[in-house]
Amino acid sequence: MSRQTWIQRVLGALVVVALVGLLLWYVRVLPDSLPLALVVMSLLVAVLALLMWSLADHSGDLEAASWHAATAAQSSGPMSLDYRLVRLRRDLRDALERNDRPDAIHPLICDLTVERLQARRGVDARSDPEAARALLDPAVWDYLTTPPTTNAKRSARQLARVLDELEQI
């Protein structure tokens, strides 16, 4: 910082303190004792000078707040925290690895198949099962029409084949 900047800051602080001191003297806030009034004024000079210098030094680094709406990518968390994907991963893991849980994947795959047949082929599998059967691989049709009755582990190979066939629709 240059010498001229220091002189400007000190003179500015003294002018502000003199004006505030005159105002405080006019409204009779300063103590009647001269030494005590000088202590109060010197503290006031120190506080105001530090405040003014801090504002002068750091005001250039500040930027205005932006109140525009964030994009969807900025406002949503990572996919690993999406509770729907976490639940889907857990259900798939349970279907493939556990014997003590019911299969939650089979109804989901059935719903996905119905939706995909309707969207891509215009076939409503619930009202016209024969047309849906004609479009699907026999192994997929067998998987979809025979829901699991036990809590036994599911075959990863069978699930992979069904999902591969669903992607082909």
Protein backbone atom coordinates (compact mmCIF):
# COMPACT_ATOMS: atom_id res chain seq x y z
CA MET A 1 0.00 0.00 0.00
CA SER A 2 1.40 3.38 -0.93
CA ARG A 3 2.08 6.28 1.41
CA GLN A 4 -0.55 8.40 -0.31
CA THR A 5 -3.21 5.75 0.34
CA TRP A 6 -2.30 5.69 4.04
CA ILE A 7 -2.50 9.47 4.28
CA GLN A 8 -5.90 9.50 2.56
CA ARG A 9 -7.21 6.82 4.89
CA VAL A 10 -5.96 8.52 8.07
CA LEU A 11 -7.32 11.91 7.00
CA GLY A 12 -10.64 10.36 6.03
CA ALA A 13 -10.87 8.62 9.41
CA LEU A 14 -10.03 11.86 11.25
CA VAL A 15 -12.67 13.81 9.32
CA VAL A 16 -15.32 11.18 10.04
CA VAL A 17 -14.36 11.02 13.73
CA ALA A 18 -14.36 14.82 14.03
CA LEU A 19 -17.84 14.99 12.54
CA VAL A 20 -19.11 12.17 14.76
CA GLY A 21 -17.39 13.76 17.77
CA LEU A 22 -19.08 17.11 17.10
CA LEU A 23 -22.43 15.34 16.77
CA LEU A 24 -21.88 13.45 20.04
CA TRP A 25 -20.79 16.65 21.80
CA TYR A 26 -23.85 18.48 20.47
CA VAL A 27 -26.28 15.88 21.79
CA ARG A 28 -24.35 15.69 25.08
CA VAL A 29 -23.34 12.03 24.88
CA LEU A 30 -19.62 12.51 25.55
CA PRO A 31 -18.50 12.52 29.18
CA ASP A 32 -17.77 15.86 30.83
CA SER A 33 -14.24 14.80 31.78
CA LEU A 34 -11.77 15.71 29.02
CA PRO A 35 -9.47 12.64 29.46
CA LEU A 36 -12.45 10.28 29.39
CA ALA A 37 -13.89 12.05 26.32
CA LEU A 38 -10.51 11.65 24.56
CA VAL A 39 -10.43 7.91 25.38
CA VAL A 40 -13.94 7.47 23.97
CA MET A 41 -13.03 9.43 20.86
CA SER A 42 -9.78 7.46 20.34
CA LEU A 43 -11.68 4.18 20.60
CA LEU A 44 -14.19 5.53 18.15
CA VAL A 45 -11.35 6.54 15.79
CA ALA A 46 -9.84 3.06 16.00
CA VAL A 47 -13.10 1.23 15.34
CA LEU A 48 -14.22 3.48 12.50
CA ALA A 49 -10.78 3.51 10.90
CA LEU A 50 -10.56 -0.27 10.95
CA LEU A 51 -14.06 -0.56 9.53
CA MET A 52 -13.38 1.93 6.74
CA TRP A 53 -10.03 0.35 5.84
CA SER A 54 -11.57 -3.12 5.81
CA LEU A 55 -14.36 -1.97 3.53
CA ALA A 56 -11.88 -0.21 1.24
CA ASP A 57 -9.61 -3.26 1.04
CA HIS A 58 -12.26 -5.93 0.55
CA SER A 59 -15.11 -4.27 -1.31
CA GLY A 60 -13.41 -4.97 -4.65
CA ASP A 61 -13.43 -8.72 -3.92
CA LEU A 62 -17.15 -8.89 -3.28
CA GLU A 63 -19.61 -9.93 -5.93
CA ALA A 64 -23.33 -9.42 -6.04
CA ALA A 65 -25.56 -12.28 -4.99
CA SER A 66 -27.17 -14.16 -7.82
CA TRP A 67 -30.82 -15.03 -7.20
CA HIS A 68 -31.54 -16.84 -10.46
CA ALA A 69 -32.92 -20.36 -10.30
CA ALA A 70 -30.41 -23.17 -10.55
CA THR A 71 -30.54 -25.72 -13.33
CA ALA A 72 -31.79 -29.21 -12.57
CA ALA A 73 -28.25 -30.61 -12.73
CA GLN A 74 -27.09 -28.13 -10.08
CA SER A 75 -30.04 -28.63 -7.77
CA SER A 76 -30.22 -32.42 -7.64
CA GLY A 77 -27.88 -34.74 -5.84
CA PRO A 78 -25.79 -37.48 -7.41
CA MET A 79 -27.54 -40.58 -8.71
CA SER A 80 -25.97 -42.68 -5.96
CA LEU A 81 -28.18 -40.81 -3.46
CA ASP A 82 -31.43 -41.23 -5.38
CA TYR A 83 -33.61 -43.33 -3.06
CA ARG A 84 -35.38 -44.97 -6.02
CA LEU A 85 -32.13 -46.32 -7.44
CA VAL A 86 -30.91 -47.34 -4.00
CA ARG A 87 -34.12 -49.31 -3.45
CA LEU A 88 -33.92 -50.88 -6.91
CA ARG A 89 -30.34 -51.97 -6.27
CA ARG A 90 -31.32 -53.41 -2.90
CA ASP A 91 -34.31 -55.30 -4.34
CA LEU A 92 -32.20 -56.72 -7.16
CA ARG A 93 -29.47 -57.77 -4.74
CA ASP A 94 -32.05 -59.40 -2.46
CA ALA A 95 -33.62 -61.30 -5.36
CA LEU A 96 -30.24 -62.65 -6.46
CA GLU A 97 -28.53 -63.27 -3.12
CA ARG A 98 -31.07 -63.84 -0.35
CA ASN A 99 -33.49 -66.63 0.49
CA ASP A 100 -35.41 -64.80 3.20
CA ARG A 101 -37.00 -61.96 1.22
CA PRO A 102 -39.87 -61.97 -1.26
CA ASP A 103 -39.07 -61.14 -4.89
CA ALA A 104 -39.81 -57.46 -5.54
CA ILE A 105 -38.15 -57.50 -8.97
CA HIS A 106 -40.68 -59.74 -10.78
CA PRO A 107 -43.65 -57.29 -10.53
CA LEU A 108 -41.37 -54.44 -11.57
CA ILE A 109 -40.15 -56.29 -14.65
CA CYS A 110 -43.76 -57.18 -15.54
CA ASP A 111 -44.79 -53.53 -15.31
CA LEU A 112 -41.80 -52.44 -17.37
CA THR A 113 -42.67 -55.01 -20.04
CA VAL A 114 -46.29 -53.84 -20.23
CA GLU A 115 -45.23 -50.20 -20.49
CA ARG A 116 -42.57 -50.90 -23.12
CA LEU A 117 -44.91 -53.03 -25.27
CA GLN A 118 -47.51 -50.27 -25.13
CA ALA A 119 -45.06 -47.47 -25.90
CA ARG A 120 -42.99 -49.17 -28.61
CA ARG A 121 -45.37 -51.68 -30.25
CA GLY A 122 -48.82 -50.33 -29.39
CA VAL A 123 -49.81 -53.61 -27.74
CA ASP A 124 -51.62 -53.65 -24.41
CA ALA A 125 -50.31 -56.83 -22.80
CA ARG A 126 -53.05 -56.90 -20.16
CA SER A 127 -55.98 -56.77 -22.57
CA ASP A 128 -54.33 -58.65 -25.48
CA PRO A 129 -51.90 -61.21 -24.02
CA GLU A 130 -51.71 -63.23 -27.23
CA ALA A 131 -50.31 -60.29 -29.21
CA ALA A 132 -47.80 -59.66 -26.42
CA ARG A 133 -46.82 -63.34 -26.39
CA ALA A 134 -46.14 -63.21 -30.13
CA LEU A 135 -43.74 -60.28 -29.65
CA LEU A 136 -41.81 -61.75 -26.71
CA ASP A 137 -39.25 -64.52 -26.52
CA PRO A 138 -40.78 -67.73 -25.04
CA ALA A 139 -38.33 -67.69 -22.10
CA VAL A 140 -39.31 -64.11 -21.28
CA TRP A 141 -43.00 -64.95 -21.58
CA ASP A 142 -42.52 -67.90 -19.20
CA TYR A 143 -40.70 -65.69 -16.70
CA LEU A 144 -43.40 -63.02 -16.84
CA THR A 145 -46.37 -65.38 -16.55
CA THR A 146 -45.01 -67.54 -13.72
CA PRO A 147 -44.45 -65.35 -10.66
CA PRO A 148 -42.18 -66.76 -7.97
CA THR A 149 -43.98 -68.64 -5.21
CA THR A 150 -41.04 -69.01 -2.83
CA ASN A 151 -38.33 -66.77 -1.49
CA ALA A 152 -35.59 -68.72 -3.24
CA LYS A 153 -32.75 -66.91 -4.96
CA ARG A 154 -33.39 -65.91 -8.56
CA SER A 155 -31.12 -66.83 -11.42
CA ALA A 156 -28.88 -63.94 -12.46
CA ARG A 157 -28.57 -65.46 -15.94
CA GLN A 158 -32.36 -65.63 -16.35
CA LEU A 159 -32.84 -62.03 -15.15
CA ALA A 160 -30.09 -60.82 -17.46
CA ARG A 161 -31.70 -62.60 -20.42
CA VAL A 162 -35.14 -61.12 -19.63
CA LEU A 163 -33.72 -57.63 -19.31
CA ASP A 164 -31.74 -58.00 -22.55
CA GLU A 165 -34.93 -59.03 -24.34
CA LEU A 166 -36.80 -56.06 -22.85
CA GLU A 167 -34.17 -53.72 -24.24
CA GLN A 168 -34.73 -55.21 -27.69
CA ILE A 169 -38.46 -54.42 -27.71
